[in-house]
Amino acid sequence: AKGATQINLTRGADRRANSADLLGKDGSMSYLGGSLIQHWHDGTKTISVPDASDKSLYVSMYVRLLEEFIDSIQKRKASTAWIEEGYLTVKLLDACYTSVREGKTITID
């Protein structure tokens, strides 16, 4: 009710790239590759951040995920957080595919 989000995914590009823009009444932020740019009423600030297109970055996330999984098994720690995260990820991707198939915006609650 207080905002909107749009996500565009494509496999048709000639390269892997990630970008994001957030717009608000007091300013905006843009991410492109290794930079996060903040625009506020009093100026602009650029912050160096990891490039989400870098394969080694997301491969390392899988390594950490597997290490946490193994640790949970060894220590017999029960957690459902990963199930919820997985469910929400699949729900988001399903909405993206439905949007493409139906040619319209899909709202996720």
N, C-alpha and C. Protein backbone atom coordinates (compact mmCIF):
# COMPACT_ATOMS: atom_id res chain seq x y z
N ALA A 1 0.82 -1.21 0.00
CA ALA A 1 0.00 0.00 0.00
C ALA A 1 0.86 1.26 0.00
N LYS A 2 2.13 1.15 0.43
CA LYS A 2 2.98 2.34 0.53
C LYS A 2 4.10 2.37 -0.50
N GLY A 3 4.10 1.43 -1.45
CA GLY A 3 5.18 1.43 -2.41
C GLY A 3 5.00 0.36 -3.46
N ALA A 4 5.95 0.27 -4.34
CA ALA A 4 5.90 -0.73 -5.41
C ALA A 4 7.31 -1.23 -5.67
N THR A 5 7.38 -2.47 -6.10
CA THR A 5 8.65 -3.08 -6.46
C THR A 5 8.51 -3.70 -7.83
N GLN A 6 9.53 -3.56 -8.64
CA GLN A 6 9.52 -4.21 -9.96
C GLN A 6 10.83 -4.95 -10.11
N ILE A 7 10.75 -6.21 -10.52
CA ILE A 7 11.94 -7.03 -10.74
C ILE A 7 11.91 -7.50 -12.18
N ASN A 8 13.00 -7.27 -12.91
CA ASN A 8 13.11 -7.73 -14.28
C ASN A 8 14.23 -8.75 -14.36
N LEU A 9 13.93 -9.91 -14.89
CA LEU A 9 14.91 -10.97 -15.06
C LEU A 9 14.99 -11.32 -16.54
N THR A 10 16.20 -11.59 -17.03
CA THR A 10 16.34 -12.02 -18.41
C THR A 10 17.53 -12.96 -18.55
N ARG A 11 17.38 -13.89 -19.44
CA ARG A 11 18.52 -14.74 -19.81
C ARG A 11 18.94 -14.42 -21.24
N GLY A 12 18.34 -13.40 -21.80
CA GLY A 12 18.61 -13.03 -23.18
C GLY A 12 19.76 -12.06 -23.36
N ALA A 13 20.38 -11.64 -22.29
CA ALA A 13 21.48 -10.68 -22.40
C ALA A 13 22.77 -11.36 -22.86
N ASP A 14 23.68 -10.57 -23.37
CA ASP A 14 24.96 -11.11 -23.84
C ASP A 14 25.99 -11.22 -22.73
N ARG A 15 25.60 -10.80 -21.51
CA ARG A 15 26.51 -10.89 -20.36
C ARG A 15 25.68 -10.94 -19.09
N ARG A 16 26.33 -11.34 -17.99
CA ARG A 16 25.67 -11.37 -16.69
C ARG A 16 25.84 -10.01 -16.04
N ALA A 17 24.75 -9.42 -15.58
CA ALA A 17 24.82 -8.12 -14.93
C ALA A 17 23.67 -8.00 -13.94
N ASN A 18 23.89 -7.27 -12.89
CA ASN A 18 22.88 -7.01 -11.87
C ASN A 18 22.82 -5.52 -11.62
N SER A 19 21.60 -5.02 -11.46
CA SER A 19 21.42 -3.61 -11.12
C SER A 19 20.15 -3.47 -10.31
N ALA A 20 20.06 -2.40 -9.56
CA ALA A 20 18.87 -2.15 -8.75
C ALA A 20 18.75 -0.65 -8.52
N ASP A 21 17.52 -0.19 -8.44
CA ASP A 21 17.24 1.21 -8.14
C ASP A 21 16.15 1.27 -7.09
N LEU A 22 16.37 2.08 -6.06
CA LEU A 22 15.36 2.34 -5.05
C LEU A 22 15.09 3.84 -5.05
N LEU A 23 13.83 4.19 -5.13
CA LEU A 23 13.45 5.59 -5.17
C LEU A 23 12.54 5.88 -4.00
N GLY A 24 12.76 6.98 -3.33
CA GLY A 24 11.92 7.39 -2.22
C GLY A 24 11.74 8.89 -2.22
N LYS A 25 10.89 9.37 -1.34
CA LYS A 25 10.60 10.80 -1.32
C LYS A 25 11.81 11.62 -0.86
N ASP A 26 12.74 11.02 -0.12
CA ASP A 26 13.90 11.75 0.39
C ASP A 26 15.19 11.50 -0.39
N GLY A 27 15.15 10.59 -1.37
CA GLY A 27 16.36 10.31 -2.13
C GLY A 27 16.24 9.02 -2.89
N SER A 28 17.37 8.55 -3.40
CA SER A 28 17.39 7.30 -4.17
C SER A 28 18.73 6.61 -4.01
N MET A 29 18.75 5.33 -4.35
CA MET A 29 19.99 4.56 -4.37
C MET A 29 19.99 3.73 -5.65
N SER A 30 21.16 3.61 -6.25
CA SER A 30 21.33 2.81 -7.45
C SER A 30 22.50 1.87 -7.27
N TYR A 31 22.31 0.62 -7.67
CA TYR A 31 23.39 -0.37 -7.63
C TYR A 31 23.67 -0.80 -9.06
N LEU A 32 24.92 -0.77 -9.45
CA LEU A 32 25.33 -1.27 -10.76
C LEU A 32 26.73 -1.83 -10.61
N GLY A 33 26.82 -3.15 -10.71
CA GLY A 33 28.13 -3.78 -10.59
C GLY A 33 28.71 -3.60 -9.22
N GLY A 34 29.84 -2.95 -9.13
CA GLY A 34 30.53 -2.82 -7.85
C GLY A 34 30.31 -1.50 -7.15
N SER A 35 29.26 -0.77 -7.50
CA SER A 35 29.02 0.53 -6.88
C SER A 35 27.58 0.69 -6.43
N LEU A 36 27.43 1.26 -5.24
CA LEU A 36 26.13 1.67 -4.72
C LEU A 36 26.17 3.19 -4.63
N ILE A 37 25.28 3.84 -5.34
CA ILE A 37 25.28 5.30 -5.38
C ILE A 37 24.04 5.82 -4.66
N GLN A 38 24.28 6.63 -3.63
CA GLN A 38 23.19 7.22 -2.86
C GLN A 38 23.02 8.68 -3.27
N HIS A 39 21.80 9.04 -3.58
CA HIS A 39 21.46 10.42 -3.95
C HIS A 39 20.50 10.95 -2.90
N TRP A 40 20.93 11.96 -2.16
CA TRP A 40 20.09 12.59 -1.15
C TRP A 40 19.98 14.06 -1.47
N HIS A 41 19.11 14.76 -0.79
CA HIS A 41 18.91 16.19 -1.05
C HIS A 41 20.18 16.99 -0.82
N ASP A 42 21.10 16.46 0.00
CA ASP A 42 22.32 17.21 0.30
C ASP A 42 23.56 16.69 -0.43
N GLY A 43 23.38 15.80 -1.41
CA GLY A 43 24.53 15.35 -2.17
C GLY A 43 24.47 13.89 -2.59
N THR A 44 25.55 13.43 -3.18
CA THR A 44 25.67 12.07 -3.70
C THR A 44 26.87 11.40 -3.06
N LYS A 45 26.70 10.12 -2.75
CA LYS A 45 27.79 9.35 -2.15
C LYS A 45 27.89 8.02 -2.90
N THR A 46 29.10 7.62 -3.28
CA THR A 46 29.33 6.35 -3.96
C THR A 46 30.08 5.42 -3.02
N ILE A 47 29.55 4.20 -2.88
CA ILE A 47 30.14 3.20 -1.99
C ILE A 47 30.53 1.99 -2.83
N SER A 48 31.75 1.52 -2.66
CA SER A 48 32.20 0.32 -3.35
C SER A 48 31.62 -0.91 -2.65
N VAL A 49 30.97 -1.78 -3.41
CA VAL A 49 30.37 -3.01 -2.87
C VAL A 49 30.73 -4.18 -3.77
N PRO A 50 30.59 -5.42 -3.27
CA PRO A 50 30.87 -6.58 -4.13
C PRO A 50 29.96 -6.61 -5.35
N ASP A 51 30.50 -7.05 -6.46
CA ASP A 51 29.73 -7.17 -7.70
C ASP A 51 28.94 -8.47 -7.66
N ALA A 52 27.63 -8.39 -7.60
CA ALA A 52 26.77 -9.58 -7.52
C ALA A 52 26.87 -10.45 -8.76
N SER A 53 27.43 -9.93 -9.85
CA SER A 53 27.62 -10.72 -11.07
C SER A 53 28.86 -11.61 -11.01
N ASP A 54 29.70 -11.38 -10.03
CA ASP A 54 30.93 -12.15 -9.87
C ASP A 54 30.58 -13.55 -9.37
N LYS A 55 30.83 -14.55 -10.20
CA LYS A 55 30.45 -15.92 -9.86
C LYS A 55 31.06 -16.39 -8.55
N SER A 56 32.28 -15.99 -8.25
CA SER A 56 32.92 -16.44 -7.01
C SER A 56 32.15 -15.93 -5.78
N LEU A 57 31.48 -14.79 -5.91
CA LEU A 57 30.70 -14.24 -4.80
C LEU A 57 29.53 -15.16 -4.45
N TYR A 58 28.74 -15.55 -5.45
CA TYR A 58 27.60 -16.39 -5.11
C TYR A 58 27.98 -17.85 -4.89
N VAL A 59 29.08 -18.31 -5.45
CA VAL A 59 29.55 -19.66 -5.13
C VAL A 59 29.93 -19.73 -3.65
N SER A 60 30.58 -18.68 -3.14
CA SER A 60 30.96 -18.66 -1.72
C SER A 60 29.72 -18.67 -0.82
N MET A 61 28.60 -18.09 -1.29
CA MET A 61 27.37 -18.14 -0.50
C MET A 61 26.88 -19.58 -0.36
N TYR A 62 27.00 -20.36 -1.44
CA TYR A 62 26.59 -21.77 -1.37
C TYR A 62 27.50 -22.56 -0.44
N VAL A 63 28.79 -22.24 -0.46
CA VAL A 63 29.73 -22.91 0.45
C VAL A 63 29.32 -22.65 1.89
N ARG A 64 29.05 -21.38 2.24
CA ARG A 64 28.61 -21.04 3.60
C ARG A 64 27.30 -21.74 3.95
N LEU A 65 26.38 -21.80 3.00
CA LEU A 65 25.10 -22.47 3.23
C LEU A 65 25.31 -23.94 3.57
N LEU A 66 26.16 -24.61 2.82
CA LEU A 66 26.45 -26.02 3.09
C LEU A 66 27.17 -26.20 4.42
N GLU A 67 28.08 -25.30 4.75
CA GLU A 67 28.77 -25.37 6.05
C GLU A 67 27.77 -25.22 7.20
N GLU A 68 26.83 -24.30 7.07
CA GLU A 68 25.81 -24.12 8.11
C GLU A 68 24.92 -25.36 8.22
N PHE A 69 24.59 -25.95 7.08
CA PHE A 69 23.77 -27.16 7.06
C PHE A 69 24.48 -28.32 7.78
N ILE A 70 25.74 -28.52 7.45
CA ILE A 70 26.52 -29.59 8.08
C ILE A 70 26.66 -29.34 9.57
N ASP A 71 26.93 -28.09 9.96
CA ASP A 71 27.06 -27.73 11.36
C ASP A 71 25.75 -28.01 12.11
N SER A 72 24.62 -27.69 11.49
CA SER A 72 23.32 -27.95 12.13
C SER A 72 23.09 -29.44 12.36
N ILE A 73 23.50 -30.25 11.40
CA ILE A 73 23.35 -31.70 11.54
C ILE A 73 24.26 -32.21 12.66
N GLN A 74 25.51 -31.78 12.63
CA GLN A 74 26.47 -32.25 13.64
C GLN A 74 26.09 -31.83 15.05
N LYS A 75 25.55 -30.63 15.20
CA LYS A 75 25.18 -30.13 16.53
C LYS A 75 23.71 -30.38 16.85
N ARG A 76 23.00 -31.04 15.93
CA ARG A 76 21.57 -31.36 16.11
C ARG A 76 20.75 -30.12 16.44
N LYS A 77 21.04 -29.02 15.70
CA LYS A 77 20.30 -27.77 15.88
C LYS A 77 19.15 -27.75 14.88
N ALA A 78 17.94 -27.64 15.38
CA ALA A 78 16.77 -27.57 14.50
C ALA A 78 16.50 -26.11 14.14
N SER A 79 16.30 -25.85 12.87
CA SER A 79 15.98 -24.51 12.40
C SER A 79 15.12 -24.63 11.15
N THR A 80 14.11 -23.79 11.07
CA THR A 80 13.25 -23.78 9.88
C THR A 80 13.47 -22.52 9.04
N ALA A 81 14.41 -21.66 9.43
CA ALA A 81 14.65 -20.41 8.70
C ALA A 81 15.00 -20.69 7.24
N TRP A 82 15.80 -21.70 6.96
CA TRP A 82 16.20 -21.99 5.59
C TRP A 82 15.02 -22.49 4.77
N ILE A 83 14.08 -23.17 5.41
CA ILE A 83 12.89 -23.63 4.69
C ILE A 83 12.05 -22.43 4.27
N GLU A 84 11.85 -21.48 5.18
CA GLU A 84 11.09 -20.27 4.87
C GLU A 84 11.75 -19.46 3.77
N GLU A 85 13.08 -19.32 3.84
CA GLU A 85 13.79 -18.58 2.81
C GLU A 85 13.66 -19.26 1.45
N GLY A 86 13.78 -20.58 1.44
CA GLY A 86 13.62 -21.33 0.19
C GLY A 86 12.22 -21.17 -0.38
N TYR A 87 11.22 -21.25 0.49
CA TYR A 87 9.83 -21.10 0.06
C TYR A 87 9.60 -19.72 -0.55
N LEU A 88 10.08 -18.68 0.11
CA LEU A 88 9.89 -17.32 -0.39
C LEU A 88 10.62 -17.10 -1.72
N THR A 89 11.79 -17.71 -1.87
CA THR A 89 12.54 -17.61 -3.12
C THR A 89 11.76 -18.25 -4.26
N VAL A 90 11.25 -19.45 -4.04
CA VAL A 90 10.47 -20.14 -5.07
C VAL A 90 9.19 -19.35 -5.39
N LYS A 91 8.55 -18.80 -4.36
CA LYS A 91 7.34 -18.00 -4.56
C LYS A 91 7.65 -16.78 -5.45
N LEU A 92 8.76 -16.11 -5.19
CA LEU A 92 9.16 -14.94 -5.99
C LEU A 92 9.45 -15.34 -7.44
N LEU A 93 10.23 -16.40 -7.62
CA LEU A 93 10.55 -16.85 -8.98
C LEU A 93 9.30 -17.28 -9.74
N ASP A 94 8.38 -17.96 -9.05
CA ASP A 94 7.12 -18.37 -9.68
C ASP A 94 6.33 -17.15 -10.14
N ALA A 95 6.30 -16.11 -9.32
CA ALA A 95 5.61 -14.88 -9.70
C ALA A 95 6.26 -14.23 -10.92
N CYS A 96 7.59 -14.28 -11.00
CA CYS A 96 8.30 -13.73 -12.16
C CYS A 96 7.91 -14.48 -13.43
N TYR A 97 7.93 -15.81 -13.37
CA TYR A 97 7.56 -16.60 -14.54
C TYR A 97 6.10 -16.40 -14.91
N THR A 98 5.22 -16.30 -13.93
CA THR A 98 3.80 -16.06 -14.19
C THR A 98 3.62 -14.71 -14.86
N SER A 99 4.36 -13.69 -14.40
CA SER A 99 4.29 -12.37 -14.99
C SER A 99 4.66 -12.39 -16.47
N VAL A 100 5.73 -13.11 -16.80
CA VAL A 100 6.16 -13.21 -18.20
C VAL A 100 5.11 -13.95 -19.02
N ARG A 101 4.65 -15.06 -18.50
CA ARG A 101 3.68 -15.90 -19.22
C ARG A 101 2.37 -15.14 -19.47
N GLU A 102 1.89 -14.41 -18.47
CA GLU A 102 0.61 -13.72 -18.59
C GLU A 102 0.74 -12.28 -19.09
N GLY A 103 1.98 -11.77 -19.15
CA GLY A 103 2.20 -10.43 -19.64
C GLY A 103 1.62 -9.34 -18.77
N LYS A 104 1.65 -9.56 -17.45
CA LYS A 104 1.12 -8.55 -16.54
C LYS A 104 1.91 -8.56 -15.24
N THR A 105 1.71 -7.51 -14.45
CA THR A 105 2.35 -7.39 -13.15
C THR A 105 1.69 -8.35 -12.17
N ILE A 106 2.48 -9.04 -11.38
CA ILE A 106 1.97 -9.97 -10.37
C ILE A 106 2.24 -9.38 -9.00
N THR A 107 1.23 -9.36 -8.17
CA THR A 107 1.37 -8.85 -6.81
C THR A 107 1.64 -10.01 -5.86
N ILE A 108 2.64 -9.83 -4.99
CA ILE A 108 2.98 -10.84 -3.99
C ILE A 108 2.67 -10.27 -2.63
N ASP A 109 1.90 -11.02 -1.82
CA ASP A 109 1.57 -10.53 -0.49
C ASP A 109 2.65 -10.89 0.49
